[in-house]
Amino acid sequence: MNIKEHRTVILAKTVKGYGLGEAGEGKNITHQQKKLNEDELKEFRTRFSIPISDDAIGNAPFYRPPEDSAEIRYLKERRKIPGRVRSQKSC
């Protein structure tokens, strides 16, 4: 089947707050929760293997994976897909 003129819809069952652990996963409070406490940040960091030290975690630093990481390579490859619709940001 090779149909290119129809829209595609993907239905997915998700867990609201996935990755927040006890801080909000599946509790339906995710939209109201503005900030994780230090223990919740540590749990999140550990769950997703984010290399931020215990000493730095209290400042909630921004983390960007290295350019040669699997995550960044994945994102860059997806941007190269022909015909892919990308959002337009206005300045």
PDB file of N, CA and C in Angstrom:
ATOM      1  N   MET A   1       0.848  -1.165   0.000  1.00  0.00           N
ATOM      2  CA  MET A   1       0.000   0.000   0.000  1.00  0.00           C
ATOM      3  C   MET A   1       0.900   1.238   0.000  1.00  0.00           C
ATOM      4  N   ASN A   2       0.702   2.095  -0.971  1.00  0.00           N
ATOM      5  CA  ASN A   2       1.544   3.287  -1.093  1.00  0.00           C
ATOM      6  C   ASN A   2       0.645   4.493  -1.368  1.00  0.00           C
ATOM      7  N   ILE A   3       0.007   4.978  -0.318  1.00  0.00           N
ATOM      8  CA  ILE A   3      -0.910   6.112  -0.443  1.00  0.00           C
ATOM      9  C   ILE A   3      -0.214   7.342   0.116  1.00  0.00           C
ATOM     10  N   LYS A   4      -0.104   8.393  -0.698  1.00  0.00           N
ATOM     11  CA  LYS A   4       0.618   9.583  -0.261  1.00  0.00           C
ATOM     12  C   LYS A   4      -0.274  10.809  -0.120  1.00  0.00           C
ATOM     13  N   GLU A   5      -1.538  10.706  -0.523  1.00  0.00           N
ATOM     14  CA  GLU A   5      -2.387  11.881  -0.533  1.00  0.00           C
ATOM     15  C   GLU A   5      -3.359  11.937   0.632  1.00  0.00           C
ATOM     16  N   HIS A   6      -3.170  11.116   1.625  1.00  0.00           N
ATOM     17  CA  HIS A   6      -4.067  11.103   2.775  1.00  0.00           C
ATOM     18  C   HIS A   6      -3.302  11.512   4.032  1.00  0.00           C
ATOM     19  N   ARG A   7      -4.006  12.140   4.908  1.00  0.00           N
ATOM     20  CA  ARG A   7      -3.396  12.511   6.177  1.00  0.00           C
ATOM     21  C   ARG A   7      -3.257  11.279   7.061  1.00  0.00           C
ATOM     22  N   THR A   8      -2.298  11.322   7.952  1.00  0.00           N
ATOM     23  CA  THR A   8      -2.067  10.217   8.873  1.00  0.00           C
ATOM     24  C   THR A   8      -2.353  10.687  10.288  1.00  0.00           C
ATOM     25  N   VAL A   9      -3.032   9.870  11.046  1.00  0.00           N
ATOM     26  CA  VAL A   9      -3.316  10.180  12.438  1.00  0.00           C
ATOM     27  C   VAL A   9      -2.701   9.072  13.286  1.00  0.00           C
ATOM     28  N   ILE A  10      -1.997   9.468  14.320  1.00  0.00           N
ATOM     29  CA  ILE A  10      -1.411   8.497  15.239  1.00  0.00           C
ATOM     30  C   ILE A  10      -2.078   8.680  16.590  1.00  0.00           C
ATOM     31  N   LEU A  11      -2.689   7.638  17.090  1.00  0.00           N
ATOM     32  CA  LEU A  11      -3.309   7.676  18.410  1.00  0.00           C
ATOM     33  C   LEU A  11      -2.362   6.964  19.375  1.00  0.00           C
ATOM     34  N   ALA A  12      -2.067   7.619  20.474  1.00  0.00           N
ATOM     35  CA  ALA A  12      -1.141   7.027  21.434  1.00  0.00           C
ATOM     36  C   ALA A  12      -1.677   7.204  22.840  1.00  0.00           C
ATOM     37  N   LYS A  13      -1.578   6.157  23.616  1.00  0.00           N
ATOM     38  CA  LYS A  13      -1.942   6.243  25.033  1.00  0.00           C
ATOM     39  C   LYS A  13      -0.690   6.676  25.775  1.00  0.00           C
ATOM     40  N   THR A  14      -0.796   7.760  26.507  1.00  0.00           N
ATOM     41  CA  THR A  14       0.370   8.277  27.215  1.00  0.00           C
ATOM     42  C   THR A  14       0.123   8.330  28.714  1.00  0.00           C
ATOM     43  N   VAL A  15       1.185   8.445  29.450  1.00  0.00           N
ATOM     44  CA  VAL A  15       1.102   8.625  30.893  1.00  0.00           C
ATOM     45  C   VAL A  15       1.459  10.069  31.172  1.00  0.00           C
ATOM     46  N   LYS A  16       0.492  10.823  31.670  1.00  0.00           N
ATOM     47  CA  LYS A  16       0.733  12.224  31.958  1.00  0.00           C
ATOM     48  C   LYS A  16       1.834  12.337  33.012  1.00  0.00           C
ATOM     49  N   GLY A  17       2.829  13.147  32.726  1.00  0.00           N
ATOM     50  CA  GLY A  17       3.921  13.341  33.667  1.00  0.00           C
ATOM     51  C   GLY A  17       4.971  12.254  33.601  1.00  0.00           C
ATOM     52  N   TYR A  18       5.030  11.499  32.490  1.00  0.00           N
ATOM     53  CA  TYR A  18       6.007  10.417  32.374  1.00  0.00           C
ATOM     54  C   TYR A  18       7.406  10.909  32.716  1.00  0.00           C
ATOM     55  N   GLY A  19       8.054  10.186  33.580  1.00  0.00           N
ATOM     56  CA  GLY A  19       9.413  10.531  33.961  1.00  0.00           C
ATOM     57  C   GLY A  19       9.498  11.346  35.225  1.00  0.00           C
ATOM     58  N   LEU A  20       8.374  11.840  35.711  1.00  0.00           N
ATOM     59  CA  LEU A  20       8.415  12.627  36.940  1.00  0.00           C
ATOM     60  C   LEU A  20       8.384  11.757  38.188  1.00  0.00           C
ATOM     61  N   GLY A  21       8.167  10.466  38.019  1.00  0.00           N
ATOM     62  CA  GLY A  21       8.148   9.569  39.163  1.00  0.00           C
ATOM     63  C   GLY A  21       7.084   9.988  40.163  1.00  0.00           C
ATOM     64  N   GLU A  22       7.403   9.900  41.437  1.00  0.00           N
ATOM     65  CA  GLU A  22       6.465  10.257  42.495  1.00  0.00           C
ATOM     66  C   GLU A  22       6.021  11.710  42.423  1.00  0.00           C
ATOM     67  N   ALA A  23       6.775  12.542  41.729  1.00  0.00           N
ATOM     68  CA  ALA A  23       6.461  13.967  41.652  1.00  0.00           C
ATOM     69  C   ALA A  23       5.215  14.261  40.824  1.00  0.00           C
ATOM     70  N   GLY A  24       4.743  13.324  40.037  1.00  0.00           N
ATOM     71  CA  GLY A  24       3.565  13.653  39.246  1.00  0.00           C
ATOM     72  C   GLY A  24       3.126  12.647  38.225  1.00  0.00           C
ATOM     73  N   GLU A  25       3.845  11.570  38.037  1.00  0.00           N
ATOM     74  CA  GLU A  25       3.492  10.611  36.998  1.00  0.00           C
ATOM     75  C   GLU A  25       2.146   9.969  37.281  1.00  0.00           C
ATOM     76  N   GLY A  26       1.230  10.145  36.353  1.00  0.00           N
ATOM     77  CA  GLY A  26      -0.078   9.507  36.459  1.00  0.00           C
ATOM     78  C   GLY A  26      -0.981  10.112  37.528  1.00  0.00           C
ATOM     79  N   LYS A  27      -0.597  11.221  38.146  1.00  0.00           N
ATOM     80  CA  LYS A  27      -1.416  11.825  39.197  1.00  0.00           C
ATOM     81  C   LYS A  27      -2.303  12.940  38.664  1.00  0.00           C
ATOM     82  N   ASN A  28      -2.162  13.246  37.395  1.00  0.00           N
ATOM     83  CA  ASN A  28      -2.969  14.275  36.755  1.00  0.00           C
ATOM     84  C   ASN A  28      -2.739  15.663  37.359  1.00  0.00           C
ATOM     85  N   ILE A  29      -1.544  15.901  37.913  1.00  0.00           N
ATOM     86  CA  ILE A  29      -1.227  17.213  38.478  1.00  0.00           C
ATOM     87  C   ILE A  29      -0.103  17.888  37.696  1.00  0.00           C
ATOM     88  N   THR A  30       0.314  17.251  36.625  1.00  0.00           N
ATOM     89  CA  THR A  30       1.497  17.697  35.900  1.00  0.00           C
ATOM     90  C   THR A  30       1.407  19.148  35.452  1.00  0.00           C
ATOM     91  N   HIS A  31       0.241  19.591  35.000  1.00  0.00           N
ATOM     92  CA  HIS A  31       0.127  20.965  34.509  1.00  0.00           C
ATOM     93  C   HIS A  31       0.226  21.996  35.628  1.00  0.00           C
ATOM     94  N   GLN A  32      -0.132  21.595  36.840  1.00  0.00           N
ATOM     95  CA  GLN A  32      -0.057  22.528  37.953  1.00  0.00           C
ATOM     96  C   GLN A  32       1.322  22.541  38.601  1.00  0.00           C
ATOM     97  N   GLN A  33       2.079  21.487  38.412  1.00  0.00           N
ATOM     98  CA  GLN A  33       3.398  21.387  39.048  1.00  0.00           C
ATOM     99  C   GLN A  33       4.395  22.271  38.308  1.00  0.00           C
ATOM    100  N   LYS A  34       4.933  23.244  38.987  1.00  0.00           N
ATOM    101  CA  LYS A  34       5.831  24.204  38.354  1.00  0.00           C
ATOM    102  C   LYS A  34       7.303  23.845  38.528  1.00  0.00           C
ATOM    103  N   LYS A  35       7.652  23.208  39.637  1.00  0.00           N
ATOM    104  CA  LYS A  35       9.064  22.967  39.909  1.00  0.00           C
ATOM    105  C   LYS A  35       9.234  21.690  40.718  1.00  0.00           C
ATOM    106  N   LEU A  36      10.241  20.903  40.363  1.00  0.00           N
ATOM    107  CA  LEU A  36      10.551  19.698  41.120  1.00  0.00           C
ATOM    108  C   LEU A  36      11.479  20.059  42.266  1.00  0.00           C
ATOM    109  N   ASN A  37      11.314  19.366  43.408  1.00  0.00           N
ATOM    110  CA  ASN A  37      12.259  19.599  44.490  1.00  0.00           C
ATOM    111  C   ASN A  37      13.553  18.835  44.188  1.00  0.00           C
ATOM    112  N   GLU A  38      14.548  19.004  45.008  1.00  0.00           N
ATOM    113  CA  GLU A  38      15.868  18.429  44.721  1.00  0.00           C
ATOM    114  C   GLU A  38      15.848  16.905  44.631  1.00  0.00           C
ATOM    115  N   ASP A  39      15.112  16.250  45.525  1.00  0.00           N
ATOM    116  CA  ASP A  39      15.028  14.785  45.470  1.00  0.00           C
ATOM    117  C   ASP A  39      14.337  14.314  44.192  1.00  0.00           C
ATOM    118  N   GLU A  40      13.309  15.036  43.762  1.00  0.00           N
ATOM    119  CA  GLU A  40      12.606  14.683  42.527  1.00  0.00           C
ATOM    120  C   GLU A  40      13.499  14.899  41.309  1.00  0.00           C
ATOM    121  N   LEU A  41      14.303  15.960  41.343  1.00  0.00           N
ATOM    122  CA  LEU A  41      15.258  16.198  40.252  1.00  0.00           C
ATOM    123  C   LEU A  41      16.282  15.072  40.185  1.00  0.00           C
ATOM    124  N   LYS A  42      16.751  14.613  41.329  1.00  0.00           N
ATOM    125  CA  LYS A  42      17.726  13.507  41.364  1.00  0.00           C
ATOM    126  C   LYS A  42      17.117  12.241  40.797  1.00  0.00           C
ATOM    127  N   GLU A  43      15.856  11.968  41.162  1.00  0.00           N
ATOM    128  CA  GLU A  43      15.179  10.772  40.653  1.00  0.00           C
ATOM    129  C   GLU A  43      15.023  10.843  39.132  1.00  0.00           C
ATOM    130  N   PHE A  44      14.626  12.011  38.623  1.00  0.00           N
ATOM    131  CA  PHE A  44      14.478  12.221  37.183  1.00  0.00           C
ATOM    132  C   PHE A  44      15.814  12.034  36.474  1.00  0.00           C
ATOM    133  N   ARG A  45      16.866  12.657  37.017  1.00  0.00           N
ATOM    134  CA  ARG A  45      18.211  12.562  36.446  1.00  0.00           C
ATOM    135  C   ARG A  45      18.682  11.111  36.382  1.00  0.00           C
ATOM    136  N   THR A  46      18.463  10.375  37.455  1.00  0.00           N
ATOM    137  CA  THR A  46      18.892   8.981  37.518  1.00  0.00           C
ATOM    138  C   THR A  46      18.091   8.119  36.547  1.00  0.00           C
ATOM    139  N   ARG A  47      16.792   8.340  36.498  1.00  0.00           N
ATOM    140  CA  ARG A  47      15.916   7.538  35.627  1.00  0.00           C
ATOM    141  C   ARG A  47      16.309   7.652  34.163  1.00  0.00           C
ATOM    142  N   PHE A  48      16.727   8.864  33.745  1.00  0.00           N
ATOM    143  CA  PHE A  48      17.056   9.082  32.346  1.00  0.00           C
ATOM    144  C   PHE A  48      18.557   9.199  32.087  1.00  0.00           C
ATOM    145  N   SER A  49      19.367   8.822  33.068  1.00  0.00           N
ATOM    146  CA  SER A  49      20.835   8.791  32.930  1.00  0.00           C
ATOM    147  C   SER A  49      21.401  10.126  32.444  1.00  0.00           C
ATOM    148  N   ILE A  50      20.964  11.213  33.056  1.00  0.00           N
ATOM    149  CA  ILE A  50      21.461  12.540  32.703  1.00  0.00           C
ATOM    150  C   ILE A  50      22.669  12.834  33.581  1.00  0.00           C
ATOM    151  N   PRO A  51      23.829  13.090  32.987  1.00  0.00           N
ATOM    152  CA  PRO A  51      25.059  13.257  33.773  1.00  0.00           C
ATOM    153  C   PRO A  51      25.178  14.631  34.438  1.00  0.00           C
ATOM    154  N   ILE A  52      24.413  14.813  35.518  1.00  0.00           N
ATOM    155  CA  ILE A  52      24.498  16.033  36.322  1.00  0.00           C
ATOM    156  C   ILE A  52      24.789  15.582  37.747  1.00  0.00           C
ATOM    157  N   SER A  53      25.779  16.197  38.374  1.00  0.00           N
ATOM    158  CA  SER A  53      26.206  15.787  39.715  1.00  0.00           C
ATOM    159  C   SER A  53      25.174  16.177  40.776  1.00  0.00           C
ATOM    160  N   ASP A  54      25.245  15.506  41.931  1.00  0.00           N
ATOM    161  CA  ASP A  54      24.377  15.849  43.057  1.00  0.00           C
ATOM    162  C   ASP A  54      24.585  17.303  43.479  1.00  0.00           C
ATOM    163  N   ASP A  55      25.818  17.772  43.417  1.00  0.00           N
ATOM    164  CA  ASP A  55      26.109  19.150  43.819  1.00  0.00           C
ATOM    165  C   ASP A  55      25.437  20.166  42.897  1.00  0.00           C
ATOM    166  N   ALA A  56      25.332  19.864  41.619  1.00  0.00           N
ATOM    167  CA  ALA A  56      24.767  20.801  40.645  1.00  0.00           C
ATOM    168  C   ALA A  56      23.257  20.680  40.499  1.00  0.00           C
ATOM    169  N   ILE A  57      22.690  19.566  40.939  1.00  0.00           N
ATOM    170  CA  ILE A  57      21.274  19.290  40.677  1.00  0.00           C
ATOM    171  C   ILE A  57      20.339  20.328  41.289  1.00  0.00           C
ATOM    172  N   GLY A  58      20.710  20.926  42.398  1.00  0.00           N
ATOM    173  CA  GLY A  58      19.864  21.925  43.055  1.00  0.00           C
ATOM    174  C   GLY A  58      19.645  23.167  42.210  1.00  0.00           C
ATOM    175  N   ASN A  59      20.554  23.453  41.288  1.00  0.00           N
ATOM    176  CA  ASN A  59      20.423  24.612  40.406  1.00  0.00           C
ATOM    177  C   ASN A  59      19.631  24.300  39.145  1.00  0.00           C
ATOM    178  N   ALA A  60      19.230  23.039  38.979  1.00  0.00           N
ATOM    179  CA  ALA A  60      18.485  22.579  37.801  1.00  0.00           C
ATOM    180  C   ALA A  60      19.123  23.098  36.516  1.00  0.00           C
ATOM    181  N   PRO A  61      20.383  22.732  36.254  1.00  0.00           N
ATOM    182  CA  PRO A  61      21.069  23.243  35.067  1.00  0.00           C
ATOM    183  C   PRO A  61      20.488  22.670  33.774  1.00  0.00           C
ATOM    184  N   PHE A  62      20.603  23.436  32.698  1.00  0.00           N
ATOM    185  CA  PHE A  62      20.197  22.969  31.381  1.00  0.00           C
ATOM    186  C   PHE A  62      21.205  21.928  30.917  1.00  0.00           C
ATOM    187  N   TYR A  63      20.737  20.836  30.374  1.00  0.00           N
ATOM    188  CA  TYR A  63      21.639  19.792  29.871  1.00  0.00           C
ATOM    189  C   TYR A  63      21.388  19.577  28.390  1.00  0.00           C
ATOM    190  N   ARG A  64      22.432  19.650  27.613  1.00  0.00           N
ATOM    191  CA  ARG A  64      22.363  19.339  26.185  1.00  0.00           C
ATOM    192  C   ARG A  64      23.329  18.192  25.930  1.00  0.00           C
ATOM    193  N   PRO A  65      22.830  17.102  25.346  1.00  0.00           N
ATOM    194  CA  PRO A  65      23.718  15.975  25.040  1.00  0.00           C
ATOM    195  C   PRO A  65      24.822  16.403  24.076  1.00  0.00           C
ATOM    196  N   PRO A  66      25.949  15.707  24.092  1.00  0.00           N
ATOM    197  CA  PRO A  66      27.035  16.021  23.156  1.00  0.00           C
ATOM    198  C   PRO A  66      26.570  15.881  21.698  1.00  0.00           C
ATOM    199  N   GLU A  67      27.196  16.623  20.806  1.00  0.00           N
ATOM    200  CA  GLU A  67      26.829  16.612  19.386  1.00  0.00           C
ATOM    201  C   GLU A  67      26.898  15.216  18.767  1.00  0.00           C
ATOM    202  N   ASP A  68      27.786  14.360  19.269  1.00  0.00           N
ATOM    203  CA  ASP A  68      27.923  13.015  18.693  1.00  0.00           C
ATOM    204  C   ASP A  68      27.072  11.974  19.427  1.00  0.00           C
ATOM    205  N   SER A  69      26.184  12.410  20.317  1.00  0.00           N
ATOM    206  CA  SER A  69      25.339  11.470  21.058  1.00  0.00           C
ATOM    207  C   SER A  69      24.236  10.911  20.163  1.00  0.00           C
ATOM    208  N   ALA A  70      23.694   9.784  20.560  1.00  0.00           N
ATOM    209  CA  ALA A  70      22.613   9.151  19.806  1.00  0.00           C
ATOM    210  C   ALA A  70      21.389  10.068  19.725  1.00  0.00           C
ATOM    211  N   GLU A  71      21.110  10.808  20.793  1.00  0.00           N
ATOM    212  CA  GLU A  71      19.937  11.688  20.811  1.00  0.00           C
ATOM    213  C   GLU A  71      20.051  12.821  19.786  1.00  0.00           C
ATOM    214  N   ILE A  72      21.198  13.478  19.753  1.00  0.00           N
ATOM    215  CA  ILE A  72      21.394  14.588  18.822  1.00  0.00           C
ATOM    216  C   ILE A  72      21.440  14.072  17.381  1.00  0.00           C
ATOM    217  N   ARG A  73      22.105  12.936  17.166  1.00  0.00           N
ATOM    218  CA  ARG A  73      22.137  12.352  15.818  1.00  0.00           C
ATOM    219  C   ARG A  73      20.722  12.030  15.342  1.00  0.00           C
ATOM    220  N   TYR A  74      19.898  11.473  16.238  1.00  0.00           N
ATOM    221  CA  TYR A  74      18.503  11.152  15.901  1.00  0.00           C
ATOM    222  C   TYR A  74      17.747  12.409  15.476  1.00  0.00           C
ATOM    223  N   LEU A  75      17.854  13.469  16.266  1.00  0.00           N
ATOM    224  CA  LEU A  75      17.146  14.714  15.945  1.00  0.00           C
ATOM    225  C   LEU A  75      17.599  15.289  14.608  1.00  0.00           C
ATOM    226  N   LYS A  76      18.894  15.289  14.377  1.00  0.00           N
ATOM    227  CA  LYS A  76      19.420  15.843  13.121  1.00  0.00           C
ATOM    228  C   LYS A  76      18.992  15.021  11.916  1.00  0.00           C
ATOM    229  N   GLU A  77      18.943  13.710  12.054  1.00  0.00           N
ATOM    230  CA  GLU A  77      18.500  12.847  10.952  1.00  0.00           C
ATOM    231  C   GLU A  77      17.035  13.108  10.620  1.00  0.00           C
ATOM    232  N   ARG A  78      16.205  13.292  11.641  1.00  0.00           N
ATOM    233  CA  ARG A  78      14.781  13.540  11.409  1.00  0.00           C
ATOM    234  C   ARG A  78      14.571  14.861  10.685  1.00  0.00           C
ATOM    235  N   ARG A  79      15.410  15.837  10.929  1.00  0.00           N
ATOM    236  CA  ARG A  79      15.287  17.137  10.259  1.00  0.00           C
ATOM    237  C   ARG A  79      15.590  17.046   8.771  1.00  0.00           C
ATOM    238  N   LYS A  80      16.338  16.019   8.363  1.00  0.00           N
ATOM    239  CA  LYS A  80      16.731  15.866   6.964  1.00  0.00           C
ATOM    240  C   LYS A  80      15.677  15.163   6.112  1.00  0.00           C
ATOM    241  N   ILE A  81      14.641  14.632   6.709  1.00  0.00           N
ATOM    242  CA  ILE A  81      13.635  13.863   5.972  1.00  0.00           C
ATOM    243  C   ILE A  81      12.908  14.782   4.989  1.00  0.00           C
ATOM    244  N   PRO A  82      12.924  14.436   3.689  1.00  0.00           N
ATOM    245  CA  PRO A  82      12.253  15.271   2.674  1.00  0.00           C
ATOM    246  C   PRO A  82      10.755  15.362   2.917  1.00  0.00           C
ATOM    247  N   GLY A  83      10.197  16.545   2.701  1.00  0.00           N
ATOM    248  CA  GLY A  83       8.761  16.739   2.844  1.00  0.00           C
ATOM    249  C   GLY A  83       8.290  16.868   4.274  1.00  0.00           C
ATOM    250  N   ARG A  84       9.204  16.830   5.188  1.00  0.00           N
ATOM    251  CA  ARG A  84       8.837  16.930   6.603  1.00  0.00           C
ATOM    252  C   ARG A  84       8.412  18.359   6.916  1.00  0.00           C
ATOM    253  N   VAL A  85       7.272  18.495   7.569  1.00  0.00           N
ATOM    254  CA  VAL A  85       6.770  19.814   7.943  1.00  0.00           C
ATOM    255  C   VAL A  85       7.454  20.228   9.243  1.00  0.00           C
ATOM    256  N   ARG A  86       8.050  21.413   9.201  1.00  0.00           N
ATOM    257  CA  ARG A  86       8.711  21.934  10.397  1.00  0.00           C
ATOM    258  C   ARG A  86       8.008  23.210  10.812  1.00  0.00           C
ATOM    259  N   SER A  87       7.927  23.411  12.099  1.00  0.00           N
ATOM    260  CA  SER A  87       7.261  24.618  12.589  1.00  0.00           C
ATOM    261  C   SER A  87       8.063  25.852  12.213  1.00  0.00           C
ATOM    262  N   GLN A  88       7.371  26.932  11.987  1.00  0.00           N
ATOM    263  CA  GLN A  88       8.002  28.195  11.663  1.00  0.00           C
ATOM    264  C   GLN A  88       7.898  29.101  12.878  1.00  0.00           C
ATOM    265  N   LYS A  89       9.011  29.578  13.355  1.00  0.00           N
ATOM    266  CA  LYS A  89       9.000  30.476  14.512  1.00  0.00           C
ATOM    267  C   LYS A  89       9.212  31.903  14.020  1.00  0.00           C
ATOM    268  N   SER A  90       8.403  32.773  14.541  1.00  0.00           N
ATOM    269  CA  SER A  90       8.567  34.184  14.171  1.00  0.00           C
ATOM    270  C   SER A  90       9.337  34.898  15.263  1.00  0.00           C
ATOM    271  N   CYS A  91      10.135  35.870  14.880  1.00  0.00           N
ATOM    272  CA  CYS A  91      10.935  36.604  15.852  1.00  0.00           C
ATOM    273  C   CYS A  91      10.272  37.913  16.203  1.00  0.00           C
TER     274      CYS A  91
END
